[in-house]
């Protein structure tokens, strides 16, 4: 997805803004709303926010659930998560998010 793509037009929140909130620990629509304001206007962007929240690695198509499960199963470094799931082994832009998942276990 294009990094500068606007997701929430009411609050002018981009894909990157949402990913930064995820890197800071946001995992729910309510947390995204609180951190970015996205979804607090008309609400039409909420399905797109949910899609972004569900994905960690677009290059490899790896979901948040898959990465969280890998971490719970013992993958405790970004390299180990990449080995098990593929997340972070493509362009590498998701590594900060993967590290946050490792740190928070969520």
PDB file of N, CA and C in Angstrom:
ATOM      1  N   UNK A   1       0.850  -1.178   0.000  1.00  0.00           N
ATOM      2  CA  UNK A   1       0.000   0.000   0.000  1.00  0.00           C
ATOM      3  C   UNK A   1       0.886   1.228   0.000  1.00  0.00           C
ATOM      4  N   UNK A   2       0.467   2.240  -0.737  1.00  0.00           N
ATOM      5  CA  UNK A   2       1.242   3.472  -0.819  1.00  0.00           C
ATOM      6  C   UNK A   2       1.308   4.141   0.548  1.00  0.00           C
ATOM      7  N   UNK A   3       2.507   4.489   0.970  1.00  0.00           N
ATOM      8  CA  UNK A   3       2.707   5.059   2.288  1.00  0.00           C
ATOM      9  C   UNK A   3       1.993   6.366   2.524  1.00  0.00           C
ATOM     10  N   UNK A   4       1.845   7.149   1.472  1.00  0.00           N
ATOM     11  CA  UNK A   4       1.229   8.454   1.664  1.00  0.00           C
ATOM     12  C   UNK A   4      -0.264   8.445   1.348  1.00  0.00           C
ATOM     13  N   UNK A   5      -0.838   7.278   1.192  1.00  0.00           N
ATOM     14  CA  UNK A   5      -2.260   7.170   0.881  1.00  0.00           C
ATOM     15  C   UNK A   5      -3.092   7.619   2.089  1.00  0.00           C
ATOM     16  N   UNK A   6      -4.021   8.528   1.842  1.00  0.00           N
ATOM     17  CA  UNK A   6      -4.906   8.974   2.910  1.00  0.00           C
ATOM     18  C   UNK A   6      -5.939   7.890   3.175  1.00  0.00           C
ATOM     19  N   UNK A   7      -6.071   7.518   4.436  1.00  0.00           N
ATOM     20  CA  UNK A   7      -7.036   6.510   4.850  1.00  0.00           C
ATOM     21  C   UNK A   7      -8.279   7.189   5.409  1.00  0.00           C
ATOM     22  N   UNK A   8      -8.077   8.173   6.266  1.00  0.00           N
ATOM     23  CA  UNK A   8      -9.178   8.917   6.874  1.00  0.00           C
ATOM     24  C   UNK A   8      -9.159  10.343   6.334  1.00  0.00           C
ATOM     25  N   UNK A   9     -10.116  10.636   5.486  1.00  0.00           N
ATOM     26  CA  UNK A   9     -10.174  11.962   4.887  1.00  0.00           C
ATOM     27  C   UNK A   9     -10.712  13.004   5.861  1.00  0.00           C
ATOM     28  N   UNK A  10     -11.578  12.608   6.774  1.00  0.00           N
ATOM     29  CA  UNK A  10     -12.126  13.565   7.751  1.00  0.00           C
ATOM     30  C   UNK A  10     -11.026  14.168   8.619  1.00  0.00           C
ATOM     31  N   UNK A  11     -10.067  13.342   9.004  1.00  0.00           N
ATOM     32  CA  UNK A  11      -9.003  13.773   9.919  1.00  0.00           C
ATOM     33  C   UNK A  11      -7.636  13.825   9.240  1.00  0.00           C
ATOM     34  N   UNK A  12      -7.603  13.571   7.931  1.00  0.00           N
ATOM     35  CA  UNK A  12      -6.369  13.601   7.134  1.00  0.00           C
ATOM     36  C   UNK A  12      -5.286  12.696   7.733  1.00  0.00           C
ATOM     37  N   UNK A  13      -5.651  11.432   7.929  1.00  0.00           N
ATOM     38  CA  UNK A  13      -4.733  10.447   8.497  1.00  0.00           C
ATOM     39  C   UNK A  13      -4.324   9.480   7.395  1.00  0.00           C
ATOM     40  N   UNK A  14      -3.013   9.284   7.253  1.00  0.00           N
ATOM     41  CA  UNK A  14      -2.478   8.434   6.199  1.00  0.00           C
ATOM     42  C   UNK A  14      -2.221   7.012   6.688  1.00  0.00           C
ATOM     43  N   UNK A  15      -1.922   6.157   5.737  1.00  0.00           N
ATOM     44  CA  UNK A  15      -1.509   4.786   6.033  1.00  0.00           C
ATOM     45  C   UNK A  15      -0.297   4.798   6.964  1.00  0.00           C
ATOM     46  N   UNK A  16       0.670   5.653   6.680  1.00  0.00           N
ATOM     47  CA  UNK A  16       1.879   5.725   7.500  1.00  0.00           C
ATOM     48  C   UNK A  16       1.533   6.146   8.926  1.00  0.00           C
ATOM     49  N   UNK A  17       0.611   7.090   9.078  1.00  0.00           N
ATOM     50  CA  UNK A  17       0.199   7.509  10.418  1.00  0.00           C
ATOM     51  C   UNK A  17      -0.355   6.323  11.210  1.00  0.00           C
ATOM     52  N   UNK A  18      -1.136   5.491  10.543  1.00  0.00           N
ATOM     53  CA  UNK A  18      -1.725   4.322  11.212  1.00  0.00           C
ATOM     54  C   UNK A  18      -0.646   3.304  11.547  1.00  0.00           C
ATOM     55  N   UNK A  19       0.275   3.079  10.623  1.00  0.00           N
ATOM     56  CA  UNK A  19       1.372   2.135  10.895  1.00  0.00           C
ATOM     57  C   UNK A  19       2.256   2.635  12.038  1.00  0.00           C
ATOM     58  N   UNK A  20       2.498   3.934  12.098  1.00  0.00           N
ATOM     59  CA  UNK A  20       3.282   4.486  13.213  1.00  0.00           C
ATOM     60  C   UNK A  20       2.559   4.261  14.541  1.00  0.00           C
ATOM     61  N   UNK A  21       1.253   4.409  14.533  1.00  0.00           N
ATOM     62  CA  UNK A  21       0.476   4.139  15.750  1.00  0.00           C
ATOM     63  C   UNK A  21       0.581   2.667  16.129  1.00  0.00           C
ATOM     64  N   UNK A  22       0.590   1.786  15.138  1.00  0.00           N
ATOM     65  CA  UNK A  22       0.757   0.359  15.421  1.00  0.00           C
ATOM     66  C   UNK A  22       2.139   0.087  16.014  1.00  0.00           C
ATOM     67  N   UNK A  23       3.156   0.735  15.473  1.00  0.00           N
ATOM     68  CA  UNK A  23       4.512   0.572  15.999  1.00  0.00           C
ATOM     69  C   UNK A  23       4.575   1.070  17.442  1.00  0.00           C
ATOM     70  N   UNK A  24       3.738   2.053  17.761  1.00  0.00           N
ATOM     71  CA  UNK A  24       3.677   2.573  19.126  1.00  0.00           C
ATOM     72  C   UNK A  24       2.784   1.718  20.027  1.00  0.00           C
ATOM     73  N   UNK A  25       2.189   0.660  19.474  1.00  0.00           N
ATOM     74  CA  UNK A  25       1.426  -0.280  20.285  1.00  0.00           C
ATOM     75  C   UNK A  25      -0.062  -0.374  20.010  1.00  0.00           C
ATOM     76  N   UNK A  26      -0.602   0.439  19.128  1.00  0.00           N
ATOM     77  CA  UNK A  26      -2.039   0.371  18.825  1.00  0.00           C
ATOM     78  C   UNK A  26      -2.358  -0.940  18.116  1.00  0.00           C
ATOM     79  N   UNK A  27      -3.390  -1.631  18.605  1.00  0.00           N
ATOM     80  CA  UNK A  27      -3.801  -2.897  17.997  1.00  0.00           C
ATOM     81  C   UNK A  27      -5.302  -2.962  17.739  1.00  0.00           C
ATOM     82  N   UNK A  28      -6.035  -1.927  18.156  1.00  0.00           N
ATOM     83  CA  UNK A  28      -7.484  -1.916  17.951  1.00  0.00           C
ATOM     84  C   UNK A  28      -7.893  -0.619  17.258  1.00  0.00           C
ATOM     85  N   UNK A  29      -9.083  -0.636  16.691  1.00  0.00           N
ATOM     86  CA  UNK A  29      -9.611   0.582  16.067  1.00  0.00           C
ATOM     87  C   UNK A  29      -9.706   1.692  17.103  1.00  0.00           C
ATOM     88  N   UNK A  30     -10.144   1.374  18.312  1.00  0.00           N
ATOM     89  CA  UNK A  30     -10.248   2.398  19.351  1.00  0.00           C
ATOM     90  C   UNK A  30      -8.889   3.009  19.673  1.00  0.00           C
ATOM     91  N   UNK A  31      -7.852   2.193  19.709  1.00  0.00           N
ATOM     92  CA  UNK A  31      -6.508   2.721  19.963  1.00  0.00           C
ATOM     93  C   UNK A  31      -6.028   3.585  18.805  1.00  0.00           C
ATOM     94  N   UNK A  32      -6.353   3.195  17.577  1.00  0.00           N
ATOM     95  CA  UNK A  32      -6.012   4.022  16.408  1.00  0.00           C
ATOM     96  C   UNK A  32      -6.770   5.345  16.481  1.00  0.00           C
ATOM     97  N   UNK A  33      -8.045   5.281  16.831  1.00  0.00           N
ATOM     98  CA  UNK A  33      -8.839   6.511  16.980  1.00  0.00           C
ATOM     99  C   UNK A  33      -8.182   7.444  17.985  1.00  0.00           C
ATOM    100  N   UNK A  34      -7.797   6.894  19.124  1.00  0.00           N
ATOM    101  CA  UNK A  34      -7.208   7.689  20.195  1.00  0.00           C
ATOM    102  C   UNK A  34      -5.868   8.300  19.777  1.00  0.00           C
ATOM    103  N   UNK A  35      -5.041   7.511  19.087  1.00  0.00           N
ATOM    104  CA  UNK A  35      -3.694   7.969  18.752  1.00  0.00           C
ATOM    105  C   UNK A  35      -3.637   8.866  17.526  1.00  0.00           C
ATOM    106  N   UNK A  36      -4.569   8.665  16.578  1.00  0.00           N
ATOM    107  CA  UNK A  36      -4.471   9.402  15.311  1.00  0.00           C
ATOM    108  C   UNK A  36      -5.687  10.264  15.000  1.00  0.00           C
ATOM    109  N   UNK A  37      -6.818   9.952  15.597  1.00  0.00           N
ATOM    110  CA  UNK A  37      -8.069  10.631  15.257  1.00  0.00           C
ATOM    111  C   UNK A  37      -8.804   9.960  14.107  1.00  0.00           C
ATOM    112  N   UNK A  38      -8.144   9.045  13.406  1.00  0.00           N
ATOM    113  CA  UNK A  38      -8.775   8.346  12.285  1.00  0.00           C
ATOM    114  C   UNK A  38     -10.000   7.587  12.770  1.00  0.00           C
ATOM    115  N   UNK A  39     -11.068   7.649  12.011  1.00  0.00           N
ATOM    116  CA  UNK A  39     -12.282   6.924  12.344  1.00  0.00           C
ATOM    117  C   UNK A  39     -13.208   7.666  13.282  1.00  0.00           C
ATOM    118  N   UNK A  40     -12.816   8.866  13.686  1.00  0.00           N
ATOM    119  CA  UNK A  40     -13.636   9.616  14.636  1.00  0.00           C
ATOM    120  C   UNK A  40     -14.553  10.623  13.955  1.00  0.00           C
ATOM    121  N   UNK A  41     -14.476  10.716  12.638  1.00  0.00           N
ATOM    122  CA  UNK A  41     -15.370  11.605  11.891  1.00  0.00           C
ATOM    123  C   UNK A  41     -16.578  10.818  11.426  1.00  0.00           C
ATOM    124  N   UNK A  42     -16.657  10.609  10.130  1.00  0.00           N
ATOM    125  CA  UNK A  42     -17.817   9.916   9.556  1.00  0.00           C
ATOM    126  C   UNK A  42     -17.766   8.397   9.767  1.00  0.00           C
ATOM    127  N   UNK A  43     -16.570   7.848   9.975  1.00  0.00           N
ATOM    128  CA  UNK A  43     -16.425   6.420  10.228  1.00  0.00           C
ATOM    129  C   UNK A  43     -16.285   5.539   9.004  1.00  0.00           C
ATOM    130  N   UNK A  44     -16.338   6.111   7.810  1.00  0.00           N
ATOM    131  CA  UNK A  44     -16.235   5.282   6.599  1.00  0.00           C
ATOM    132  C   UNK A  44     -14.878   4.613   6.443  1.00  0.00           C
ATOM    133  N   UNK A  45     -13.870   5.104   7.126  1.00  0.00           N
ATOM    134  CA  UNK A  45     -12.529   4.543   6.997  1.00  0.00           C
ATOM    135  C   UNK A  45     -12.291   3.343   7.921  1.00  0.00           C
ATOM    136  N   UNK A  46     -13.183   3.067   8.811  1.00  0.00           N
ATOM    137  CA  UNK A  46     -12.969   2.012   9.803  1.00  0.00           C
ATOM    138  C   UNK A  46     -12.694   0.644   9.161  1.00  0.00           C
ATOM    139  N   UNK A  47     -13.403   0.221   8.108  1.00  0.00           N
ATOM    140  CA  UNK A  47     -13.047  -1.069   7.494  1.00  0.00           C
ATOM    141  C   UNK A  47     -11.608  -1.098   6.961  1.00  0.00           C
ATOM    142  N   UNK A  48     -11.134   0.011   6.420  1.00  0.00           N
ATOM    143  CA  UNK A  48      -9.754   0.067   5.928  1.00  0.00           C
ATOM    144  C   UNK A  48      -8.771   0.037   7.105  1.00  0.00           C
ATOM    145  N   UNK A  49      -9.089   0.709   8.185  1.00  0.00           N
ATOM    146  CA  UNK A  49      -8.248   0.666   9.391  1.00  0.00           C
ATOM    147  C   UNK A  49      -8.167  -0.769   9.905  1.00  0.00           C
ATOM    148  N   UNK A  50      -9.282  -1.477   9.914  1.00  0.00           N
ATOM    149  CA  UNK A  50      -9.288  -2.872  10.367  1.00  0.00           C
ATOM    150  C   UNK A  50      -8.385  -3.741   9.499  1.00  0.00           C
ATOM    151  N   UNK A  51      -8.390  -3.508   8.194  1.00  0.00           N
ATOM    152  CA  UNK A  51      -7.508  -4.262   7.288  1.00  0.00           C
ATOM    153  C   UNK A  51      -6.047  -3.984   7.598  1.00  0.00           C
ATOM    154  N   UNK A  52      -5.720  -2.717   7.826  1.00  0.00           N
ATOM    155  CA  UNK A  52      -4.336  -2.350   8.139  1.00  0.00           C
ATOM    156  C   UNK A  52      -3.920  -2.993   9.456  1.00  0.00           C
ATOM    157  N   UNK A  53      -4.784  -2.935  10.453  1.00  0.00           N
ATOM    158  CA  UNK A  53      -4.483  -3.530  11.751  1.00  0.00           C
ATOM    159  C   UNK A  53      -4.250  -5.037  11.663  1.00  0.00           C
ATOM    160  N   UNK A  54      -4.915  -5.698  10.756  1.00  0.00           N
ATOM    161  CA  UNK A  54      -4.812  -7.154  10.637  1.00  0.00           C
ATOM    162  C   UNK A  54      -3.517  -7.599   9.964  1.00  0.00           C
ATOM    163  N   UNK A  55      -2.815  -6.687   9.307  1.00  0.00           N
ATOM    164  CA  UNK A  55      -1.632  -7.041   8.531  1.00  0.00           C
ATOM    165  C   UNK A  55      -0.359  -6.495   9.160  1.00  0.00           C
ATOM    166  N   UNK A  56       0.677  -7.314   9.175  1.00  0.00           N
ATOM    167  CA  UNK A  56       1.989  -6.847   9.622  1.00  0.00           C
ATOM    168  C   UNK A  56       2.893  -6.646   8.414  1.00  0.00           C
ATOM    169  N   UNK A  57       2.944  -7.615   7.534  1.00  0.00           N
ATOM    170  CA  UNK A  57       3.881  -7.584   6.413  1.00  0.00           C
ATOM    171  C   UNK A  57       3.129  -7.712   5.087  1.00  0.00           C
ATOM    172  N   UNK A  58       3.079  -6.623   4.360  1.00  0.00           N
ATOM    173  CA  UNK A  58       2.410  -6.636   3.065  1.00  0.00           C
ATOM    174  C   UNK A  58       3.185  -7.400   2.009  1.00  0.00           C
ATOM    175  N   UNK A  59       4.514  -7.358   2.078  1.00  0.00           N
ATOM    176  CA  UNK A  59       5.343  -8.057   1.085  1.00  0.00           C
ATOM    177  C   UNK A  59       5.076  -9.559   1.086  1.00  0.00           C
ATOM    178  N   UNK A  60       4.963 -10.102   2.267  1.00  0.00           N
ATOM    179  CA  UNK A  60       4.812 -11.556   2.421  1.00  0.00           C
ATOM    180  C   UNK A  60       3.392 -11.961   2.805  1.00  0.00           C
ATOM    181  N   UNK A  61       2.503 -10.969   2.969  1.00  0.00           N
ATOM    182  CA  UNK A  61       1.116 -11.276   3.314  1.00  0.00           C
ATOM    183  C   UNK A  61       0.965 -11.919   4.682  1.00  0.00           C
ATOM    184  N   UNK A  62       1.700 -11.415   5.667  1.00  0.00           N
ATOM    185  CA  UNK A  62       1.692 -12.004   6.999  1.00  0.00           C
ATOM    186  C   UNK A  62       0.789 -11.183   7.916  1.00  0.00           C
ATOM    187  N   UNK A  63      -0.107 -11.880   8.599  1.00  0.00           N
ATOM    188  CA  UNK A  63      -1.070 -11.214   9.473  1.00  0.00           C
ATOM    189  C   UNK A  63      -0.486 -10.929  10.853  1.00  0.00           C
ATOM    190  N   UNK A  64      -1.128 -10.018  11.548  1.00  0.00           N
ATOM    191  CA  UNK A  64      -0.773  -9.724  12.936  1.00  0.00           C
ATOM    192  C   UNK A  64      -0.909 -10.987  13.782  1.00  0.00           C
ATOM    193  N   UNK A  65      -1.994 -11.702  13.592  1.00  0.00           N
ATOM    194  CA  UNK A  65      -2.233 -12.924  14.361  1.00  0.00           C
ATOM    195  C   UNK A  65      -1.092 -13.925  14.190  1.00  0.00           C
ATOM    196  N   UNK A  66      -0.603 -14.083  12.970  1.00  0.00           N
ATOM    197  CA  UNK A  66       0.483 -15.018  12.697  1.00  0.00           C
ATOM    198  C   UNK A  66       1.748 -14.616  13.434  1.00  0.00           C
ATOM    199  N   UNK A  67       2.068 -13.324  13.422  1.00  0.00           N
ATOM    200  CA  UNK A  67       3.278 -12.849  14.102  1.00  0.00           C
ATOM    201  C   UNK A  67       3.123 -12.983  15.617  1.00  0.00           C
ATOM    202  N   UNK A  68       1.980 -12.599  16.145  1.00  0.00           N
ATOM    203  CA  UNK A  68       1.747 -12.716  17.589  1.00  0.00           C
ATOM    204  C   UNK A  68       1.885 -14.181  18.012  1.00  0.00           C
ATOM    205  N   UNK A  69       1.328 -15.093  17.249  1.00  0.00           N
ATOM    206  CA  UNK A  69       1.434 -16.519  17.578  1.00  0.00           C
ATOM    207  C   UNK A  69       2.882 -16.995  17.526  1.00  0.00           C
ATOM    208  N   UNK A  70       3.645 -16.521  16.539  1.00  0.00           N
ATOM    209  CA  UNK A  70       5.055 -16.903  16.444  1.00  0.00           C
ATOM    210  C   UNK A  70       5.828 -16.416  17.670  1.00  0.00           C
ATOM    211  N   UNK A  71       5.527 -15.202  18.098  1.00  0.00           N
ATOM    212  CA  UNK A  71       6.183 -14.648  19.293  1.00  0.00           C
ATOM    213  C   UNK A  71       5.796 -15.461  20.525  1.00  0.00           C
ATOM    214  N   UNK A  72       4.522 -15.781  20.655  1.00  0.00           N
ATOM    215  CA  UNK A  72       4.071 -16.585  21.794  1.00  0.00           C
ATOM    216  C   UNK A  72       4.705 -17.969  21.785  1.00  0.00           C
ATOM    217  N   UNK A  73       5.048 -18.458  20.573  1.00  0.00           N
ATOM    218  CA  UNK A  73       5.682 -19.776  20.445  1.00  0.00           C
ATOM    219  C   UNK A  73       7.202 -19.712  20.577  1.00  0.00           C
ATOM    220  N   UNK A  74       7.743 -18.526  20.888  1.00  0.00           N
ATOM    221  CA  UNK A  74       9.171 -18.436  21.178  1.00  0.00           C
ATOM    222  C   UNK A  74      10.023 -17.624  20.230  1.00  0.00           C
ATOM    223  N   UNK A  75       9.483 -17.137  19.147  1.00  0.00           N
ATOM    224  CA  UNK A  75      10.270 -16.294  18.241  1.00  0.00           C
ATOM    225  C   UNK A  75      10.487 -14.954  18.939  1.00  0.00           C
ATOM    226  N   UNK A  76      11.708 -14.727  19.423  1.00  0.00           N
ATOM    227  CA  UNK A  76      11.957 -13.563  20.262  1.00  0.00           C
ATOM    228  C   UNK A  76      12.892 -12.522  19.640  1.00  0.00           C
ATOM    229  N   UNK A  77      13.167 -12.655  18.358  1.00  0.00           N
ATOM    230  CA  UNK A  77      13.919 -11.641  17.618  1.00  0.00           C
ATOM    231  C   UNK A  77      13.246 -11.444  16.265  1.00  0.00           C
ATOM    232  N   UNK A  78      13.544 -10.326  15.627  1.00  0.00           N
ATOM    233  CA  UNK A  78      12.954 -10.092  14.308  1.00  0.00           C
ATOM    234  C   UNK A  78      13.430 -11.142  13.312  1.00  0.00           C
ATOM    235  N   UNK A  79      14.664 -11.585  13.460  1.00  0.00           N
ATOM    236  CA  UNK A  79      15.170 -12.629  12.557  1.00  0.00           C
ATOM    237  C   UNK A  79      14.421 -13.942  12.749  1.00  0.00           C
ATOM    238  N   UNK A  80      14.138 -14.299  13.991  1.00  0.00           N
ATOM    239  CA  UNK A  80      13.394 -15.537  14.250  1.00  0.00           C
ATOM    240  C   UNK A  80      11.965 -15.436  13.738  1.00  0.00           C
ATOM    241  N   UNK A  81      11.341 -14.271  13.920  1.00  0.00           N
ATOM    242  CA  UNK A  81       9.986 -14.080  13.388  1.00  0.00           C
ATOM    243  C   UNK A  81      10.012 -14.191  11.864  1.00  0.00           C
ATOM    244  N   UNK A  82      11.004 -13.596  11.235  1.00  0.00           N
ATOM    245  CA  UNK A  82      11.125 -13.672   9.770  1.00  0.00           C
ATOM    246  C   UNK A  82      11.316 -15.122   9.318  1.00  0.00           C
ATOM    247  N   UNK A  83      12.109 -15.858  10.056  1.00  0.00           N
ATOM    248  CA  UNK A  83      12.360 -17.255   9.726  1.00  0.00           C
ATOM    249  C   UNK A  83      11.076 -18.086   9.792  1.00  0.00           C
ATOM    250  N   UNK A  84      10.266 -17.843  10.805  1.00  0.00           N
ATOM    251  CA  UNK A  84       9.054 -18.625  11.031  1.00  0.00           C
ATOM    252  C   UNK A  84       7.900 -18.165  10.141  1.00  0.00           C
ATOM    253  N   UNK A  85       7.758 -16.840   9.974  1.00  0.00           N
ATOM    254  CA  UNK A  85       6.567 -16.303   9.296  1.00  0.00           C
ATOM    255  C   UNK A  85       6.839 -15.661   7.940  1.00  0.00           C
ATOM    256  N   UNK A  86       8.064 -15.223   7.721  1.00  0.00           N
ATOM    257  CA  UNK A  86       8.388 -14.454   6.522  1.00  0.00           C
ATOM    258  C   UNK A  86       8.303 -12.954   6.744  1.00  0.00           C
ATOM    259  N   UNK A  87       7.632 -12.520   7.802  1.00  0.00           N
ATOM    260  CA  UNK A  87       7.480 -11.083   8.077  1.00  0.00           C
ATOM    261  C   UNK A  87       8.845 -10.457   8.338  1.00  0.00           C
ATOM    262  N   UNK A  88       9.149  -9.411   7.594  1.00  0.00           N
ATOM    263  CA  UNK A  88      10.423  -8.724   7.741  1.00  0.00           C
ATOM    264  C   UNK A  88      11.505  -9.227   6.822  1.00  0.00           C
ATOM    265  N   UNK A  89      11.224 -10.257   6.048  1.00  0.00           N
ATOM    266  CA  UNK A  89      12.254 -10.802   5.161  1.00  0.00           C
ATOM    267  C   UNK A  89      12.175 -10.233   3.746  1.00  0.00           C
ATOM    268  N   UNK A  90      11.219  -9.341   3.506  1.00  0.00           N
ATOM    269  CA  UNK A  90      11.110  -8.708   2.191  1.00  0.00           C
ATOM    270  C   UNK A  90      11.808  -7.362   2.225  1.00  0.00           C
ATOM    271  N   UNK A  91      11.044  -6.307   2.150  1.00  0.00           N
ATOM    272  CA  UNK A  91      11.621  -4.959   2.121  1.00  0.00           C
ATOM    273  C   UNK A  91      12.114  -4.517   3.491  1.00  0.00           C
ATOM    274  N   UNK A  92      11.585  -5.112   4.560  1.00  0.00           N
ATOM    275  CA  UNK A  92      12.041  -4.803   5.907  1.00  0.00           C
ATOM    276  C   UNK A  92      11.323  -3.663   6.597  1.00  0.00           C
ATOM    277  N   UNK A  93      10.381  -3.023   5.911  1.00  0.00           N
ATOM    278  CA  UNK A  93       9.689  -1.883   6.525  1.00  0.00           C
ATOM    279  C   UNK A  93       8.845  -2.282   7.730  1.00  0.00           C
ATOM    280  N   UNK A  94       8.490  -3.537   7.851  1.00  0.00           N
ATOM    281  CA  UNK A  94       7.644  -3.973   8.968  1.00  0.00           C
ATOM    282  C   UNK A  94       8.453  -4.385  10.191  1.00  0.00           C
ATOM    283  N   UNK A  95       9.769  -4.332  10.115  1.00  0.00           N
ATOM    284  CA  UNK A  95      10.593  -4.813  11.231  1.00  0.00           C
ATOM    285  C   UNK A  95      10.342  -4.049  12.525  1.00  0.00           C
ATOM    286  N   UNK A  96      10.088  -2.746  12.447  1.00  0.00           N
ATOM    287  CA  UNK A  96       9.814  -1.981  13.672  1.00  0.00           C
ATOM    288  C   UNK A  96       8.516  -2.464  14.319  1.00  0.00           C
ATOM    289  N   UNK A  97       7.522  -2.767  13.499  1.00  0.00           N
ATOM    290  CA  UNK A  97       6.267  -3.299  14.029  1.00  0.00           C
ATOM    291  C   UNK A  97       6.487  -4.693  14.610  1.00  0.00           C
ATOM    292  N   UNK A  98       7.232  -5.522  13.919  1.00  0.00           N
ATOM    293  CA  UNK A  98       7.534  -6.859  14.435  1.00  0.00           C
ATOM    294  C   UNK A  98       8.243  -6.737  15.784  1.00  0.00           C
ATOM    295  N   UNK A  99       9.195  -5.811  15.896  1.00  0.00           N
ATOM    296  CA  UNK A  99       9.897  -5.631  17.163  1.00  0.00           C
ATOM    297  C   UNK A  99       8.937  -5.199  18.264  1.00  0.00           C
ATOM    298  N   UNK A 100       7.985  -4.326  17.942  1.00  0.00           N
ATOM    299  CA  UNK A 100       7.001  -3.907  18.942  1.00  0.00           C
ATOM    300  C   UNK A 100       6.142  -5.086  19.386  1.00  0.00           C
ATOM    301  N   UNK A 101       5.787  -5.947  18.461  1.00  0.00           N
ATOM    302  CA  UNK A 101       5.011  -7.141  18.804  1.00  0.00           C
ATOM    303  C   UNK A 101       5.822  -8.041  19.728  1.00  0.00           C
ATOM    304  N   UNK A 102       7.108  -8.187  19.452  1.00  0.00           N
ATOM    305  CA  UNK A 102       7.975  -8.971  20.318  1.00  0.00           C
ATOM    306  C   UNK A 102       8.019  -8.340  21.714  1.00  0.00           C
ATOM    307  N   UNK A 103       8.184  -7.030  21.758  1.00  0.00           N
ATOM    308  CA  UNK A 103       8.297  -6.329  23.037  1.00  0.00           C
ATOM    309  C   UNK A 103       7.010  -6.377  23.863  1.00  0.00           C
ATOM    310  N   UNK A 104       5.872  -6.252  23.191  1.00  0.00           N
ATOM    311  CA  UNK A 104       4.596  -6.184  23.915  1.00  0.00           C
ATOM    312  C   UNK A 104       3.872  -7.525  23.984  1.00  0.00           C
ATOM    313  N   UNK A 105       4.294  -8.466  23.144  1.00  0.00           N
ATOM    314  CA  UNK A 105       3.663  -9.789  23.050  1.00  0.00           C
ATOM    315  C   UNK A 105       2.195  -9.685  22.642  1.00  0.00           C
ATOM    316  N   UNK A 106       1.880  -8.598  21.883  1.00  0.00           N
ATOM    317  CA  UNK A 106       0.504  -8.433  21.383  1.00  0.00           C
ATOM    318  C   UNK A 106       0.518  -7.739  20.045  1.00  0.00           C
TER     319      UNK A 106
END
